[in-house]
């Protein structure tokens, strides 16, 4: 009984089929042969095309170069096939004598074979034979009639050996292989005159991918087939095609892959493939343009500044917040793009920071009625003052977070300490708007208290002397309008930052806090824990140390 599976491509017909006949007696598996005779004498299975996994190596018994995944690049010569390898396409188990090759091949013309790779035991092989089509009429010819009339159309036996066990045998036409693959053409030409060419490909990681690549040699329109196969499989086929120098397959795969979107995983596979193979420039130019950017580092730095500047001037709040999240994820070192991100220009970021601070200064002048009404533009007058101040503070904190992540925020501390005019305007401004300035100070305190920002003693002392008092005044408003600020973390960080100063300076600032807390209670940060540490260090431990020194 025969089993056939037919597939239609345009007007062409091909079939790959597989039969499981009873294996002949084998000295290695006598019980297996007897079992098949008794139980599977009349068993026959139809199987369609198989779905491959991935490909690793490619070598041949005559001499075929290693596969794309192999680290070897030279040609290797492997001996002739083991006499116990399958020599009959219609049988599934090994036979023990090579003299029966021609007899078995003629007896199995009506039962060419094809089967699923992974479903068979590793000790078995499978044989495949495509239908040959007439070059003039494109009509399928019967394999037995063609073989008899033109003297062995199936004159190549391609033995694929999987890396972890299992064998697939493809019976093919030498003219098809030679006309499509330069590697197989060289092997066949070097063994001219033989009735049957035997080529072995050992250590193949994915038999199905290799088989599907060979099938494409019989296709007139490879592109249509690739559309059905999909991107991930097409990349695997491109790898095999490059290994066996199947140029028509390589060209078709590259054209298809260039025209479709990729996932990140597929893009990484293509990058890896292009590092191991050099493709024709004319064919792969468009692919390389998608994989590799030709932009210089300076261009990328200018782009980063342009993006940041555009965000700080964006008028739509929703779009601005969305873009902040996007750009922050791209520029921060903790992002998923850390490996390929370029260095940013610190001067560019500080220039944008200075621009935002100048705008913030103007807004506080307006809040203090220090700016003439006629100097305000219509656009500025159309939005509430509080919203405009909040926008600039958000912009400054956005830039500060990127600088902190890049460990470039030390100069920002000096910049913020030197905002003497803002401090004066803070004293005259309404509590409803002045607390916005303390939001910037809060980010700096938290960064110092959590050891993310490392500054010299003078910078820390200057920051606390300038902005510690305003923070005590604004803490109640910060609690009511947190805007994402962690108040517990702020209280802890303020105490830890105070404890980094010399003890004499700690005394002045802790006394200021004590007086404020005694008057305002919960409207003031609770630094009790840090105060206790300062007290112990200043008096108790100091007395103990003095007593030890005296003794």
Protein backbone atom coordinates (compact mmCIF):
# COMPACT_ATOMS: atom_id res chain seq x y z
CA UNK A 1 0.00 0.00 0.00
CA UNK A 2 1.24 3.52 -0.78
CA UNK A 3 0.69 6.79 1.01
CA UNK A 4 0.87 10.07 -0.84
CA UNK A 5 0.53 13.67 0.20
CA UNK A 6 0.02 16.19 -2.60
CA UNK A 7 0.69 19.94 -2.49
CA UNK A 8 -0.15 22.47 -5.15
CA UNK A 9 2.07 25.49 -6.02
CA UNK A 10 0.60 27.41 -8.95
CA UNK A 11 0.23 24.89 -11.76
CA UNK A 12 2.92 22.58 -10.40
CA UNK A 13 2.38 19.42 -8.33
CA UNK A 14 4.78 17.79 -5.93
CA UNK A 15 4.51 15.06 -3.42
CA UNK A 16 6.57 13.83 -0.56
CA UNK A 17 5.47 10.54 0.86
CA UNK A 18 6.45 8.06 3.45
CA UNK A 19 5.71 4.37 4.01
CA UNK A 20 6.50 2.30 7.00
CA UNK A 21 7.07 -1.22 5.64
CA UNK A 22 8.35 -4.12 7.62
CA UNK A 23 12.12 -3.78 8.00
CA UNK A 24 14.33 -6.58 6.66
CA UNK A 25 16.12 -8.80 9.11
CA UNK A 26 18.85 -6.85 10.85
CA UNK A 27 21.64 -8.24 12.99
CA UNK A 28 21.26 -5.17 15.20
CA UNK A 29 17.49 -5.27 15.73
CA UNK A 30 16.17 -8.81 15.07
CA UNK A 31 13.31 -8.39 17.56
CA UNK A 32 12.32 -5.11 15.91
CA UNK A 33 12.09 -6.72 12.48
CA UNK A 34 9.96 -9.57 13.81
CA UNK A 35 7.69 -7.09 15.60
CA UNK A 36 7.08 -5.14 12.43
CA UNK A 37 6.34 -8.29 10.44
CA UNK A 38 3.69 -9.44 12.84
CA UNK A 39 2.06 -6.16 13.77
CA UNK A 40 2.69 -3.64 11.02
CA UNK A 41 2.69 -5.69 7.84
CA UNK A 42 -0.11 -3.64 6.27
CA UNK A 43 0.47 -0.29 8.05
CA UNK A 44 0.81 2.83 5.93
CA UNK A 45 0.88 6.55 6.92
CA UNK A 46 0.32 9.77 4.97
CA UNK A 47 2.28 12.74 6.12
CA UNK A 48 2.40 16.34 4.91
CA UNK A 49 5.13 18.93 5.12
CA UNK A 50 6.83 19.13 8.47
CA UNK A 51 7.45 22.11 10.65
CA UNK A 52 11.16 22.59 11.42
CA UNK A 53 12.79 23.91 14.53
CA UNK A 54 16.24 25.43 13.91
CA UNK A 55 19.42 24.62 11.99
CA UNK A 56 22.96 24.21 13.21
CA UNK A 57 25.63 22.44 11.15
CA UNK A 58 26.06 21.24 7.60
CA UNK A 59 28.79 18.90 6.29
CA UNK A 60 28.73 16.15 3.69
CA UNK A 61 30.14 12.71 3.25
CA UNK A 62 31.57 13.66 -0.09
CA UNK A 63 32.49 17.09 1.20
CA UNK A 64 30.05 19.82 2.07
CA UNK A 65 30.93 22.94 4.11
CA UNK A 66 29.71 23.21 7.66
CA UNK A 67 26.33 24.74 8.36
CA UNK A 68 25.84 28.39 9.35
CA UNK A 69 25.73 27.60 13.05
CA UNK A 70 29.00 25.68 12.99
CA UNK A 71 32.18 27.38 14.11
CA UNK A 72 34.11 25.58 11.34
CA UNK A 73 34.37 27.19 7.95
CA UNK A 74 36.59 24.77 6.06
CA UNK A 75 35.40 21.82 3.98
CA UNK A 76 35.47 18.48 5.75
CA UNK A 77 35.73 15.10 4.13
CA UNK A 78 33.70 12.35 5.65
CA UNK A 79 33.86 8.72 4.60
CA UNK A 80 31.22 6.95 2.60
CA UNK A 81 27.97 6.12 4.27
CA UNK A 82 27.96 3.27 6.70
CA UNK A 83 26.72 0.09 4.95
CA UNK A 84 24.11 -0.15 7.65
CA UNK A 85 22.57 3.22 6.76
CA UNK A 86 19.22 3.13 5.01
CA UNK A 87 19.60 2.32 1.34
CA UNK A 88 15.97 1.81 0.48
CA UNK A 89 13.64 4.82 0.36
CA UNK A 90 10.64 2.75 1.24
CA UNK A 91 12.03 1.31 4.44
CA UNK A 92 12.38 2.74 7.88
CA UNK A 93 15.02 0.64 9.63
CA UNK A 94 18.65 -0.01 8.65
CA UNK A 95 19.55 -2.89 6.34
CA UNK A 96 22.76 -4.80 6.54
CA UNK A 97 24.05 -5.09 3.01
CA UNK A 98 24.78 -2.55 0.28
CA UNK A 99 24.28 -5.06 -2.55
CA UNK A 100 20.53 -4.81 -2.14
CA UNK A 101 20.50 -1.07 -2.99
CA UNK A 102 19.36 -1.26 -6.57
CA UNK A 103 16.89 -4.06 -5.89
CA UNK A 104 15.32 -2.16 -3.00
CA UNK A 105 15.23 1.08 -4.95
CA UNK A 106 13.39 -0.49 -7.92
CA UNK A 107 11.03 -2.35 -5.63
CA UNK A 108 10.06 0.87 -3.86
CA UNK A 109 9.33 3.16 -6.80
CA UNK A 110 5.66 3.11 -6.02
CA UNK A 111 6.25 3.90 -2.36
CA UNK A 112 8.49 6.94 -1.97
CA UNK A 113 8.68 8.05 1.65
CA UNK A 114 8.24 11.12 3.88
CA UNK A 115 7.62 11.31 7.64
CA UNK A 116 7.76 13.54 10.66
CA UNK A 117 11.27 13.73 12.07
CA UNK A 118 10.71 14.11 15.76
CA UNK A 119 7.99 11.46 16.00
CA UNK A 120 10.33 8.59 15.00
CA UNK A 121 12.85 6.77 17.17
CA UNK A 122 16.39 7.95 16.69
CA UNK A 123 17.51 4.57 15.33
CA UNK A 124 15.30 4.93 12.27
CA UNK A 125 15.66 6.89 9.06
CA UNK A 126 13.22 8.39 6.63
CA UNK A 127 13.45 8.69 2.89
CA UNK A 128 11.91 11.39 0.69
CA UNK A 129 11.50 11.53 -3.06
CA UNK A 130 9.87 14.42 -4.94
CA UNK A 131 7.91 14.05 -8.12
CA UNK A 132 9.84 15.19 -11.18
CA UNK A 133 8.08 17.62 -13.49
CA UNK A 134 8.49 17.82 -17.21
CA UNK A 135 10.47 20.95 -18.12
CA UNK A 136 8.26 21.54 -21.15
CA UNK A 137 4.78 20.91 -19.86
CA UNK A 138 5.36 21.34 -16.11
CA UNK A 139 3.27 18.24 -15.59
CA UNK A 140 4.23 15.71 -12.98
CA UNK A 141 5.82 12.53 -14.25
CA UNK A 142 5.68 9.21 -12.54
CA UNK A 143 8.99 8.61 -10.74
CA UNK A 144 9.35 5.02 -11.93
CA UNK A 145 8.69 5.96 -15.57
CA UNK A 146 11.12 8.88 -15.47
CA UNK A 147 13.79 6.81 -13.81
CA UNK A 148 13.45 4.15 -16.39
CA UNK A 149 13.38 6.46 -19.40
CA UNK A 150 16.07 9.00 -18.59
CA UNK A 151 18.40 6.76 -16.63
CA UNK A 152 18.05 7.58 -12.97
CA UNK A 153 16.35 10.91 -12.31
CA UNK A 154 16.77 10.23 -8.58
CA UNK A 155 20.51 9.81 -8.71
CA UNK A 156 21.41 11.64 -5.47
CA UNK A 157 20.83 10.25 -2.04
CA UNK A 158 21.16 13.10 0.49
CA UNK A 159 21.54 11.65 3.97
CA UNK A 160 20.78 14.22 6.70
CA UNK A 161 21.91 13.18 10.18
CA UNK A 162 20.48 15.10 13.09
CA UNK A 163 22.86 16.26 15.79
CA UNK A 164 21.08 14.48 18.62
CA UNK A 165 20.09 11.40 16.63
CA UNK A 166 17.75 10.60 13.77
CA UNK A 167 18.25 10.47 10.02
CA UNK A 168 16.37 11.83 7.02
CA UNK A 169 17.14 10.61 3.50
CA UNK A 170 16.23 12.73 0.47
CA UNK A 171 16.29 11.15 -2.98
CA UNK A 172 16.81 13.96 -5.46
CA UNK A 173 17.88 14.80 -8.97
CA UNK A 174 21.52 15.75 -9.40
CA UNK A 175 20.60 18.28 -12.09
CA UNK A 176 18.30 20.17 -9.67
CA UNK A 177 20.87 20.19 -6.89
CA UNK A 178 23.74 21.21 -9.16
CA UNK A 179 21.80 24.00 -10.83
CA UNK A 180 20.72 25.55 -7.51
CA UNK A 181 23.56 24.95 -5.03
CA UNK A 182 27.19 25.68 -5.79
CA UNK A 183 28.26 23.44 -2.92
CA UNK A 184 26.33 20.42 -4.19
CA UNK A 185 27.36 21.19 -7.78
CA UNK A 186 31.02 20.90 -6.79
CA UNK A 187 30.44 17.63 -4.95
CA UNK A 188 28.51 16.09 -7.82
CA UNK A 189 31.08 17.23 -10.40
CA UNK A 190 33.85 15.70 -8.32
CA UNK A 191 32.14 12.30 -8.39
CA UNK A 192 31.12 12.23 -12.05
CA UNK A 193 30.31 8.87 -13.57
CA UNK A 194 28.56 7.32 -10.60
CA UNK A 195 25.07 5.93 -10.93
CA UNK A 196 24.14 7.07 -7.42
CA UNK A 197 25.69 10.03 -5.62
CA UNK A 198 25.64 9.70 -1.85
CA UNK A 199 26.01 12.92 0.13
CA UNK A 200 25.96 12.92 3.90
CA UNK A 201 25.22 16.00 6.01
CA UNK A 202 26.08 15.28 9.65
CA UNK A 203 25.15 17.19 12.80
CA UNK A 204 22.11 18.97 11.39
CA UNK A 205 20.23 20.58 14.25
CA UNK A 206 16.95 20.91 12.36
CA UNK A 207 16.16 18.42 9.64
CA UNK A 208 12.89 20.07 8.73
CA UNK A 209 14.49 23.44 7.89
CA UNK A 210 17.09 21.76 5.68
CA UNK A 211 14.41 19.72 3.91
CA UNK A 212 12.25 22.80 3.35
CA UNK A 213 15.23 24.65 1.88
CA UNK A 214 15.80 21.80 -0.59
CA UNK A 215 12.10 21.88 -1.50
CA UNK A 216 12.43 25.55 -2.49
CA UNK A 217 14.80 24.47 -5.27
CA UNK A 218 11.78 22.94 -7.01
CA UNK A 219 9.70 26.12 -6.63
CA UNK A 220 9.22 28.59 -9.48
CA UNK A 221 8.00 31.40 -7.17
CA UNK A 222 9.87 31.13 -3.88
CA UNK A 223 8.44 34.42 -2.61
CA UNK A 224 4.88 33.01 -2.47
CA UNK A 225 6.11 30.08 -0.44
CA UNK A 226 7.97 32.36 1.99
CA UNK A 227 4.79 34.35 2.65
CA UNK A 228 3.16 31.16 3.95
CA UNK A 229 6.25 30.15 5.90
CA UNK A 230 6.64 33.36 7.92
CA UNK A 231 9.54 35.54 9.03
CA UNK A 232 11.12 33.35 11.70
CA UNK A 233 11.25 30.30 9.43
CA UNK A 234 12.47 32.40 6.51
CA UNK A 235 15.47 33.49 8.60
CA UNK A 236 16.33 29.84 9.27
CA UNK A 237 15.99 29.03 5.58
CA UNK A 238 18.19 32.01 4.71
CA UNK A 239 20.84 30.59 7.00
CA UNK A 240 20.76 27.18 5.32
CA UNK A 241 20.63 28.70 1.84
CA UNK A 242 23.73 30.77 2.61
CA UNK A 243 25.53 27.68 3.91
CA UNK A 244 24.91 25.59 0.79
CA UNK A 245 25.23 28.64 -1.52
CA UNK A 246 21.67 28.42 -2.80
CA UNK A 247 21.74 31.89 -4.33
CA UNK A 248 18.16 31.96 -5.57
CA UNK A 249 16.97 31.06 -2.07
CA UNK A 250 19.22 33.69 -0.46
CA UNK A 251 17.98 36.40 -2.79
CA UNK A 252 14.31 35.51 -2.26
CA UNK A 253 14.67 35.36 1.53
CA UNK A 254 16.43 38.73 1.68
CA UNK A 255 13.80 40.42 -0.47
CA UNK A 256 10.98 38.96 1.61
CA UNK A 257 12.57 39.79 4.96
CA UNK A 258 13.37 43.36 3.94
CA UNK A 259 9.71 44.01 3.11
CA UNK A 260 8.15 42.84 6.39
CA UNK A 261 8.28 44.07 10.03
CA UNK A 262 10.46 42.18 12.53
CA UNK A 263 10.14 41.46 16.20
CA UNK A 264 13.13 42.25 18.40
CA UNK A 265 13.97 38.54 18.58
CA UNK A 266 13.89 38.24 14.79
CA UNK A 267 16.05 41.35 14.45
CA UNK A 268 18.66 39.86 16.77
CA UNK A 269 18.70 36.65 14.71
CA UNK A 270 19.29 38.67 11.56
CA UNK A 271 22.07 40.69 13.19
CA UNK A 272 23.77 37.48 14.24
CA UNK A 273 23.33 36.02 10.75
CA UNK A 274 24.86 39.07 9.06
CA UNK A 275 27.90 38.89 11.32
CA UNK A 276 28.58 35.30 10.19
CA UNK A 277 27.78 35.63 6.48
CA UNK A 278 28.71 38.19 3.88
CA UNK A 279 25.91 38.60 1.37
CA UNK A 280 25.98 40.28 -2.00
CA UNK A 281 25.96 44.05 -1.44
CA UNK A 282 23.34 44.78 -4.09
CA UNK A 283 20.99 42.21 -2.56
CA UNK A 284 21.56 42.99 1.11
CA UNK A 285 21.93 46.81 0.95
CA UNK A 286 18.35 47.49 2.03
CA UNK A 287 18.56 44.94 4.85
CA UNK A 288 21.77 46.45 6.20
CA UNK A 289 20.20 49.90 6.11
CA UNK A 290 17.50 48.63 8.47
CA UNK A 291 19.92 46.83 10.77
CA UNK A 292 22.70 49.40 11.14
CA UNK A 293 22.54 53.15 11.64
CA UNK A 294 25.09 55.35 9.90
CA UNK A 295 24.56 58.25 12.33
CA UNK A 296 27.62 59.60 14.13
CA UNK A 297 27.87 60.05 17.90
CA UNK A 298 27.65 63.84 17.51
CA UNK A 299 24.42 63.50 15.58
CA UNK A 300 22.93 61.33 18.31
CA UNK A 301 23.95 63.81 21.01
CA UNK A 302 22.36 66.67 19.10
CA UNK A 303 19.24 64.57 18.68
CA UNK A 304 19.08 63.95 22.44
CA UNK A 305 19.27 67.69 23.11
CA UNK A 306 16.61 68.38 20.49
CA UNK A 307 14.27 65.80 22.05
CA UNK A 308 14.73 67.15 25.57
CA UNK A 309 14.30 70.74 24.44
CA UNK A 310 11.12 69.86 22.55
CA UNK A 311 9.65 68.23 25.64
CA UNK A 312 10.30 71.24 27.87
CA UNK A 313 8.52 73.53 25.38
CA UNK A 314 5.60 71.17 24.69
CA UNK A 315 2.29 72.85 25.47
CA UNK A 316 0.07 69.76 25.71
CA UNK A 317 0.32 68.24 29.19
CA UNK A 318 -0.71 64.71 28.15
CA UNK A 319 1.72 64.57 25.25
CA UNK A 320 4.48 66.08 27.39
CA UNK A 321 4.11 63.43 30.09
CA UNK A 322 4.04 60.65 27.51
CA UNK A 323 7.17 61.95 25.78
CA UNK A 324 8.97 62.39 29.10
CA UNK A 325 8.41 58.74 29.92
CA UNK A 326 9.59 57.72 26.45
CA UNK A 327 12.77 59.81 26.34
CA UNK A 328 13.67 59.08 29.96
CA UNK A 329 13.45 55.36 29.22
CA UNK A 330 15.75 55.79 26.21
CA UNK A 331 18.38 58.02 27.82
CA UNK A 332 18.61 56.54 31.31
CA UNK A 333 21.32 53.95 31.86
CA UNK A 334 18.87 51.68 33.63
CA UNK A 335 16.78 51.31 30.46
CA UNK A 336 16.64 48.21 28.25
CA UNK A 337 18.68 50.07 25.62
CA UNK A 338 21.70 50.50 27.90
CA UNK A 339 24.05 48.44 25.71
CA UNK A 340 23.70 50.62 22.64
CA UNK A 341 22.95 54.06 24.08
CA UNK A 342 25.44 56.83 23.26
CA UNK A 343 26.91 59.27 25.75
CA UNK A 344 24.94 62.47 26.11
CA UNK A 345 26.48 65.94 26.13
CA UNK A 346 26.31 67.27 29.69
CA UNK A 347 26.64 70.89 28.55
CA UNK A 348 23.58 70.53 26.33
CA UNK A 349 21.46 69.32 29.23
CA UNK A 350 22.66 72.06 31.55
CA UNK A 351 21.88 74.65 28.88
CA UNK A 352 18.28 73.40 28.80
CA UNK A 353 18.21 73.42 32.63
CA UNK A 354 19.38 77.03 32.68
CA UNK A 355 16.68 77.97 30.18
CA UNK A 356 13.98 76.38 32.37
CA UNK A 357 15.29 78.16 35.47
CA UNK A 358 15.25 81.50 33.69
CA UNK A 359 11.64 80.90 32.71
CA UNK A 360 10.83 79.87 36.28
CA UNK A 361 12.41 83.08 37.56
CA UNK A 362 10.21 85.15 35.25
CA UNK A 363 7.11 83.31 36.42
CA UNK A 364 7.90 84.00 40.09
CA UNK A 365 8.45 87.64 39.26
CA UNK A 366 4.97 87.61 37.78
CA UNK A 367 3.64 85.92 40.91
CA UNK A 368 5.22 88.65 43.02
CA UNK A 369 3.88 91.39 40.71
CA UNK A 370 7.46 92.28 39.88
CA UNK A 371 6.90 91.91 36.12
CA UNK A 372 4.83 94.52 34.25
CA UNK A 373 1.52 93.24 32.92
CA UNK A 374 2.21 94.60 29.43
CA UNK A 375 5.31 92.39 29.08
CA UNK A 376 3.19 89.24 29.24
CA UNK A 377 2.25 87.64 25.93
CA UNK A 378 -1.29 86.63 25.10
CA UNK A 379 -0.28 82.96 25.20
CA UNK A 380 1.09 83.37 28.75
CA UNK A 381 -1.98 85.23 29.92
CA UNK A 382 -4.26 82.47 28.69
CA UNK A 383 -2.96 79.89 31.20
CA UNK A 384 -3.07 79.95 35.02
CA UNK A 385 0.15 81.04 36.67
CA UNK A 386 0.22 77.99 38.94
CA UNK A 387 0.03 75.65 35.93
CA UNK A 388 2.88 77.43 34.17
CA UNK A 389 5.09 77.32 37.28
CA UNK A 390 4.31 73.64 37.81
CA UNK A 391 5.22 72.89 34.19
CA UNK A 392 8.68 74.45 34.52
CA UNK A 393 9.35 72.65 37.81
CA UNK A 394 8.32 69.37 36.17
CA UNK A 395 10.74 70.10 33.33
CA UNK A 396 13.60 70.79 35.75
CA UNK A 397 12.92 67.62 37.74
CA UNK A 398 12.73 65.62 34.49
CA UNK A 399 16.19 66.85 33.47
CA UNK A 400 17.53 66.35 37.00
CA UNK A 401 16.43 62.70 37.06
CA UNK A 402 18.30 62.00 33.81
CA UNK A 403 21.41 63.75 35.16
CA UNK A 404 21.19 61.76 38.40
CA UNK A 405 20.87 58.51 36.49
CA UNK A 406 23.93 59.47 34.44
CA UNK A 407 25.80 60.58 37.60
CA UNK A 408 26.21 64.07 36.19
CA UNK A 409 24.11 66.04 38.70
CA UNK A 410 26.93 67.43 40.91
CA UNK A 411 27.01 70.69 38.98
CA UNK A 412 23.24 70.98 39.28
CA UNK A 413 23.64 71.32 43.06
CA UNK A 414 25.84 74.39 42.58
CA UNK A 415 23.41 75.75 40.00
CA UNK A 416 20.49 75.41 42.41
CA UNK A 417 22.41 76.84 45.37
CA UNK A 418 23.22 79.98 43.38
CA UNK A 419 19.57 80.82 42.66
CA UNK A 420 19.61 83.78 45.07
CA UNK A 421 16.92 85.69 43.18
CA UNK A 422 14.56 82.73 43.34
CA UNK A 423 15.12 82.54 47.10
CA UNK A 424 14.12 86.19 47.49
CA UNK A 425 11.07 85.68 45.28
CA UNK A 426 10.18 82.60 47.33
CA UNK A 427 9.86 84.77 50.44
CA UNK A 428 7.36 87.11 48.74
CA UNK A 429 5.37 84.49 46.80
CA UNK A 430 2.15 82.85 47.93
CA UNK A 431 2.48 79.42 49.63
CA UNK A 432 0.28 78.05 46.82
CA UNK A 433 3.09 78.56 44.30
CA UNK A 434 6.30 78.83 46.29
CA UNK A 435 6.19 75.17 47.40
CA UNK A 436 6.94 74.24 43.77
CA UNK A 437 10.55 75.34 44.31
CA UNK A 438 10.86 72.95 47.24
CA UNK A 439 9.91 70.09 44.91
CA UNK A 440 13.29 70.56 43.21
CA UNK A 441 15.08 70.69 46.58
CA UNK A 442 13.27 67.50 47.61
CA UNK A 443 14.71 65.57 44.65
CA UNK A 444 18.23 66.69 45.62
CA UNK A 445 17.74 65.80 49.31
CA UNK A 446 16.44 62.33 48.45
CA UNK A 447 19.34 61.72 46.02
CA UNK A 448 21.90 62.72 48.68
CA UNK A 449 20.22 60.81 51.50
CA UNK A 450 20.01 57.62 49.43
CA UNK A 451 23.66 57.90 48.27
CA UNK A 452 22.80 58.47 44.61
CA UNK A 453 24.32 61.96 44.55
CA UNK A 454 27.85 62.48 45.83
CA UNK A 455 28.88 66.06 46.49
CA UNK A 456 31.66 67.71 48.41
CA UNK A 457 31.01 69.08 51.90
CA UNK A 458 30.81 72.67 50.66
CA UNK A 459 28.09 71.81 48.15
CA UNK A 460 26.01 69.93 50.73
CA UNK A 461 26.43 72.71 53.27
CA UNK A 462 25.47 75.36 50.70
CA UNK A 463 22.36 73.45 49.63
CA UNK A 464 21.11 73.01 53.20
CA UNK A 465 21.85 76.57 54.24
CA UNK A 466 20.00 77.93 51.18
CA UNK A 467 17.01 75.58 50.86
CA UNK A 468 16.53 73.86 54.24
CA UNK A 469 14.50 76.81 55.64
CA UNK A 470 12.18 77.05 52.59
CA UNK A 471 11.65 73.28 52.80
CA UNK A 472 10.47 73.60 56.41
CA UNK A 473 7.98 76.27 55.36
CA UNK A 474 6.67 74.37 52.32
CA UNK A 475 6.48 70.88 53.80
CA UNK A 476 2.76 71.14 54.61
CA UNK A 477 1.92 72.11 51.03
CA UNK A 478 4.16 69.33 49.71
CA UNK A 479 2.14 66.85 51.79
CA UNK A 480 -1.12 68.13 50.31
CA UNK A 481 0.19 68.34 46.72
CA UNK A 482 2.69 65.50 46.56
CA UNK A 483 2.71 65.02 42.76
CA UNK A 484 4.42 61.66 43.10
CA UNK A 485 6.76 62.68 45.92
CA UNK A 486 7.40 60.10 48.69
CA UNK A 487 7.14 62.15 51.88
CA UNK A 488 8.48 59.42 54.19
CA UNK A 489 11.52 59.02 51.94
CA UNK A 490 11.97 62.80 51.94
CA UNK A 491 11.92 63.01 55.75
CA UNK A 492 14.43 60.16 56.07
CA UNK A 493 16.69 61.63 53.37
CA UNK A 494 16.65 65.12 54.90
CA UNK A 495 17.82 63.69 58.22
CA UNK A 496 20.55 61.61 56.61
CA UNK A 497 21.78 64.59 54.57
CA UNK A 498 21.95 66.77 57.69
CA UNK A 499 24.09 64.12 59.42
CA UNK A 500 26.74 64.38 56.67
CA UNK A 501 27.62 67.96 57.74
CA UNK A 502 30.13 68.91 60.42
CA UNK A 503 28.62 68.66 63.92
CA UNK A 504 28.63 72.42 64.44
CA UNK A 505 26.57 73.00 61.30
CA UNK A 506 24.27 70.15 62.30
CA UNK A 507 23.64 71.93 65.58
CA UNK A 508 22.45 75.12 63.84
CA UNK A 509 20.13 73.33 61.41
CA UNK A 510 18.70 70.88 63.97
CA UNK A 511 17.88 73.75 66.29
CA UNK A 512 16.08 75.51 63.45
CA UNK A 513 14.10 72.33 62.77
CA UNK A 514 13.32 71.87 66.49
CA UNK A 515 11.79 75.34 66.77
CA UNK A 516 9.77 74.89 63.56
CA UNK A 517 8.50 71.44 64.55
CA UNK A 518 7.48 72.65 68.02
CA UNK A 519 5.32 75.36 66.42
CA UNK A 520 3.89 73.60 63.34
CA UNK A 521 3.89 69.89 64.24
CA UNK A 522 2.84 67.74 61.27
CA UNK A 523 3.24 70.70 58.91
CA UNK A 524 6.97 70.27 59.41
CA UNK A 525 9.12 67.23 58.54
CA UNK A 526 9.71 64.80 61.39
CA UNK A 527 13.49 64.53 61.82
CA UNK A 528 13.36 63.00 65.33
CA UNK A 529 15.39 59.95 64.40
CA UNK A 530 18.21 62.00 62.88
CA UNK A 531 18.03 64.41 65.84
CA UNK A 532 18.62 61.52 68.27
CA UNK A 533 21.64 60.36 66.26
CA UNK A 534 23.06 63.89 66.27
CA UNK A 535 22.50 64.16 70.04
CA UNK A 536 24.31 60.87 70.70
CA UNK A 537 27.22 61.80 68.47
CA UNK A 538 27.53 65.31 69.88
CA UNK A 539 27.22 64.65 73.62
CA UNK A 540 27.09 61.02 74.74
CA UNK A 541 29.77 59.54 72.53
CA UNK A 542 31.83 62.69 72.84
CA UNK A 543 31.82 62.38 76.67
CA UNK A 544 32.78 58.73 76.51
CA UNK A 545 35.61 59.50 74.14
CA UNK A 546 36.85 62.32 76.39
CA UNK A 547 36.77 60.00 79.44
CA UNK A 548 38.76 57.33 77.60
CA UNK A 549 41.34 59.89 76.50
CA UNK A 550 41.66 61.20 80.07
CA UNK A 551 42.32 57.71 81.45
